[in-house]
Amino acid sequence: MYRTFGHDGIPSEWKPIPKKTRKICGTCKWHEFENIDDGWVCVNDESEYIADWTEHNHSCEEWEKKGSTEE
């Protein structure tokens, strides 16, 4: 399940993730939760977004499926 947000940024509803996993940060193995600022950050050293705060629906060319063991 993932949370959708309205145009004003306010959470609206929960929706199921489609069977074909979308290649977005929220489904990427490199998208990790950061306790310090209560947000998500990219930890992929091959991504141009390394150490950047990333949104669930953001994406990049370095996406890898969560649970993937390839590095």
N, C-alpha and C. Protein backbone atom coordinates (compact mmCIF):
# COMPACT_ATOMS: atom_id res chain seq x y z
N MET A 1 0.83 -1.18 0.00
CA MET A 1 0.00 0.00 0.00
C MET A 1 0.88 1.24 0.00
N TYR A 2 0.39 2.28 -0.62
CA TYR A 2 1.09 3.56 -0.57
C TYR A 2 0.07 4.66 -0.37
N ARG A 3 0.55 5.78 0.13
CA ARG A 3 -0.33 6.89 0.46
C ARG A 3 -0.32 7.88 -0.69
N THR A 4 -1.49 8.33 -1.11
CA THR A 4 -1.56 9.36 -2.14
C THR A 4 -1.74 10.71 -1.48
N PHE A 5 -1.30 11.74 -2.17
CA PHE A 5 -1.40 13.09 -1.65
C PHE A 5 -2.10 13.98 -2.67
N GLY A 6 -2.91 14.89 -2.17
CA GLY A 6 -3.60 15.85 -3.03
C GLY A 6 -2.63 16.91 -3.52
N HIS A 7 -3.10 17.78 -4.40
CA HIS A 7 -2.25 18.83 -4.96
C HIS A 7 -1.73 19.78 -3.89
N ASP A 8 -2.38 19.81 -2.74
CA ASP A 8 -1.96 20.69 -1.65
C ASP A 8 -1.00 20.00 -0.68
N GLY A 9 -0.62 18.75 -0.98
CA GLY A 9 0.33 18.02 -0.15
C GLY A 9 -0.29 17.32 1.05
N ILE A 10 -1.61 17.39 1.18
CA ILE A 10 -2.29 16.76 2.30
C ILE A 10 -2.61 15.31 1.94
N PRO A 11 -2.29 14.35 2.83
CA PRO A 11 -2.59 12.94 2.55
C PRO A 11 -4.08 12.75 2.26
N SER A 12 -4.37 11.95 1.23
CA SER A 12 -5.77 11.77 0.87
C SER A 12 -6.28 10.35 1.09
N GLU A 13 -5.58 9.35 0.57
CA GLU A 13 -6.07 7.98 0.73
C GLU A 13 -4.95 6.97 0.49
N TRP A 14 -5.19 5.72 0.93
CA TRP A 14 -4.27 4.62 0.70
C TRP A 14 -4.70 3.89 -0.56
N LYS A 15 -3.74 3.52 -1.39
CA LYS A 15 -4.03 2.77 -2.61
C LYS A 15 -3.05 1.61 -2.72
N PRO A 16 -3.48 0.52 -3.33
CA PRO A 16 -2.56 -0.62 -3.51
C PRO A 16 -1.52 -0.30 -4.57
N ILE A 17 -0.30 -0.83 -4.39
CA ILE A 17 0.73 -0.68 -5.41
C ILE A 17 0.37 -1.62 -6.56
N PRO A 18 0.42 -1.14 -7.79
CA PRO A 18 0.09 -2.00 -8.93
C PRO A 18 0.96 -3.24 -8.97
N LYS A 19 0.45 -4.32 -9.57
CA LYS A 19 1.21 -5.58 -9.64
C LYS A 19 2.57 -5.37 -10.28
N LYS A 20 2.63 -4.57 -11.34
CA LYS A 20 3.92 -4.25 -11.95
C LYS A 20 4.50 -3.09 -11.14
N THR A 21 5.52 -3.36 -10.35
CA THR A 21 6.11 -2.36 -9.47
C THR A 21 6.62 -1.17 -10.27
N ARG A 22 6.17 0.02 -9.85
CA ARG A 22 6.63 1.23 -10.52
C ARG A 22 8.06 1.53 -10.08
N LYS A 23 8.86 2.04 -10.99
CA LYS A 23 10.27 2.35 -10.71
C LYS A 23 10.37 3.76 -10.14
N ILE A 24 10.02 3.87 -8.86
CA ILE A 24 10.05 5.14 -8.15
C ILE A 24 10.83 4.94 -6.85
N CYS A 25 11.23 6.04 -6.24
CA CYS A 25 12.03 5.95 -5.00
C CYS A 25 11.35 5.10 -3.93
N GLY A 26 10.04 5.19 -3.83
CA GLY A 26 9.32 4.45 -2.80
C GLY A 26 9.44 2.94 -2.93
N THR A 27 9.83 2.45 -4.11
CA THR A 27 10.00 1.01 -4.32
C THR A 27 11.46 0.64 -4.56
N CYS A 28 12.37 1.60 -4.34
CA CYS A 28 13.80 1.38 -4.61
C CYS A 28 14.54 0.92 -3.35
N LYS A 29 15.47 0.01 -3.53
CA LYS A 29 16.24 -0.50 -2.39
C LYS A 29 17.16 0.55 -1.79
N TRP A 30 17.43 1.64 -2.50
CA TRP A 30 18.32 2.69 -2.02
C TRP A 30 17.59 3.84 -1.35
N HIS A 31 16.30 3.76 -1.19
CA HIS A 31 15.48 4.81 -0.56
C HIS A 31 15.33 4.45 0.91
N GLU A 32 16.04 5.15 1.79
CA GLU A 32 16.04 4.80 3.21
C GLU A 32 15.51 5.92 4.09
N PHE A 33 14.88 5.50 5.19
CA PHE A 33 14.32 6.46 6.14
C PHE A 33 15.41 7.03 7.02
N GLU A 34 15.39 8.35 7.20
CA GLU A 34 16.37 9.06 8.04
C GLU A 34 15.65 9.57 9.28
N ASN A 35 16.01 9.04 10.44
CA ASN A 35 15.35 9.41 11.70
C ASN A 35 15.60 10.86 12.11
N ILE A 36 16.74 11.41 11.75
CA ILE A 36 17.11 12.76 12.20
C ILE A 36 16.07 13.80 11.77
N ASP A 37 15.71 13.80 10.49
CA ASP A 37 14.76 14.78 9.97
C ASP A 37 13.42 14.16 9.58
N ASP A 38 13.22 12.90 9.95
CA ASP A 38 11.95 12.23 9.68
C ASP A 38 11.59 12.27 8.19
N GLY A 39 12.56 11.92 7.35
CA GLY A 39 12.33 11.92 5.92
C GLY A 39 13.09 10.80 5.24
N TRP A 40 13.01 10.76 3.93
CA TRP A 40 13.63 9.71 3.14
C TRP A 40 14.80 10.28 2.34
N VAL A 41 15.86 9.49 2.21
CA VAL A 41 17.07 9.94 1.54
C VAL A 41 17.59 8.83 0.61
N CYS A 42 18.24 9.25 -0.47
CA CYS A 42 18.86 8.29 -1.40
C CYS A 42 20.25 7.94 -0.89
N VAL A 43 20.55 6.64 -0.82
CA VAL A 43 21.86 6.19 -0.34
C VAL A 43 22.63 5.42 -1.42
N ASN A 44 22.25 5.60 -2.68
CA ASN A 44 22.92 4.93 -3.79
C ASN A 44 24.08 5.81 -4.27
N ASP A 45 25.31 5.33 -4.09
CA ASP A 45 26.47 6.14 -4.47
C ASP A 45 26.64 6.28 -5.98
N GLU A 46 25.82 5.57 -6.77
CA GLU A 46 25.87 5.70 -8.22
C GLU A 46 24.81 6.68 -8.74
N SER A 47 23.95 7.16 -7.86
CA SER A 47 22.88 8.06 -8.26
C SER A 47 23.31 9.52 -8.12
N GLU A 48 22.80 10.36 -9.00
CA GLU A 48 23.07 11.80 -8.89
C GLU A 48 22.36 12.39 -7.67
N TYR A 49 21.47 11.63 -7.04
CA TYR A 49 20.71 12.10 -5.89
C TYR A 49 21.25 11.58 -4.55
N ILE A 50 22.44 11.00 -4.56
CA ILE A 50 23.03 10.47 -3.33
C ILE A 50 23.02 11.53 -2.22
N ALA A 51 22.54 11.13 -1.05
CA ALA A 51 22.45 11.98 0.14
C ALA A 51 21.40 13.09 0.02
N ASP A 52 20.57 13.05 -1.03
CA ASP A 52 19.49 14.03 -1.18
C ASP A 52 18.21 13.49 -0.57
N TRP A 53 17.37 14.39 -0.06
CA TRP A 53 16.04 14.01 0.39
C TRP A 53 15.22 13.71 -0.85
N THR A 54 14.53 12.58 -0.85
CA THR A 54 13.76 12.16 -2.03
C THR A 54 12.32 11.87 -1.63
N GLU A 55 11.43 12.15 -2.54
CA GLU A 55 10.00 11.89 -2.35
C GLU A 55 9.67 10.48 -2.83
N HIS A 56 8.57 9.94 -2.35
CA HIS A 56 8.13 8.59 -2.71
C HIS A 56 8.01 8.43 -4.22
N ASN A 57 7.43 9.40 -4.91
CA ASN A 57 7.16 9.28 -6.35
C ASN A 57 8.30 9.75 -7.23
N HIS A 58 9.41 10.18 -6.66
CA HIS A 58 10.57 10.60 -7.44
C HIS A 58 11.20 9.36 -8.06
N SER A 59 12.01 9.53 -9.11
CA SER A 59 12.70 8.39 -9.72
C SER A 59 14.00 8.84 -10.36
N CYS A 60 14.87 7.87 -10.67
CA CYS A 60 16.11 8.15 -11.39
C CYS A 60 16.52 6.89 -12.15
N GLU A 61 17.58 7.01 -12.93
CA GLU A 61 18.06 5.90 -13.76
C GLU A 61 18.70 4.78 -12.96
N GLU A 62 19.05 5.03 -11.71
CA GLU A 62 19.76 4.03 -10.90
C GLU A 62 18.83 3.18 -10.03
N TRP A 63 17.53 3.21 -10.29
CA TRP A 63 16.53 2.48 -9.51
C TRP A 63 16.84 0.99 -9.48
N GLU A 64 16.69 0.37 -8.30
CA GLU A 64 16.80 -1.08 -8.14
C GLU A 64 15.69 -1.54 -7.21
N LYS A 65 15.08 -2.65 -7.54
CA LYS A 65 13.96 -3.17 -6.77
C LYS A 65 14.37 -3.51 -5.34
N LYS A 66 13.50 -3.14 -4.37
CA LYS A 66 13.76 -3.52 -2.98
C LYS A 66 13.87 -5.03 -2.90
N GLY A 67 14.81 -5.50 -2.09
CA GLY A 67 15.01 -6.93 -1.94
C GLY A 67 16.02 -7.49 -2.92
N SER A 68 16.45 -6.66 -3.89
CA SER A 68 17.43 -7.08 -4.87
C SER A 68 18.79 -7.24 -4.19
N THR A 69 19.52 -8.29 -4.52
CA THR A 69 20.83 -8.52 -3.91
C THR A 69 21.96 -8.10 -4.84
N GLU A 70 21.65 -7.71 -6.08
CA GLU A 70 22.68 -7.27 -7.02
C GLU A 70 23.22 -5.92 -6.61
N GLU A 71 24.53 -5.76 -6.71
CA GLU A 71 25.15 -4.45 -6.41
C GLU A 71 26.21 -4.14 -7.42
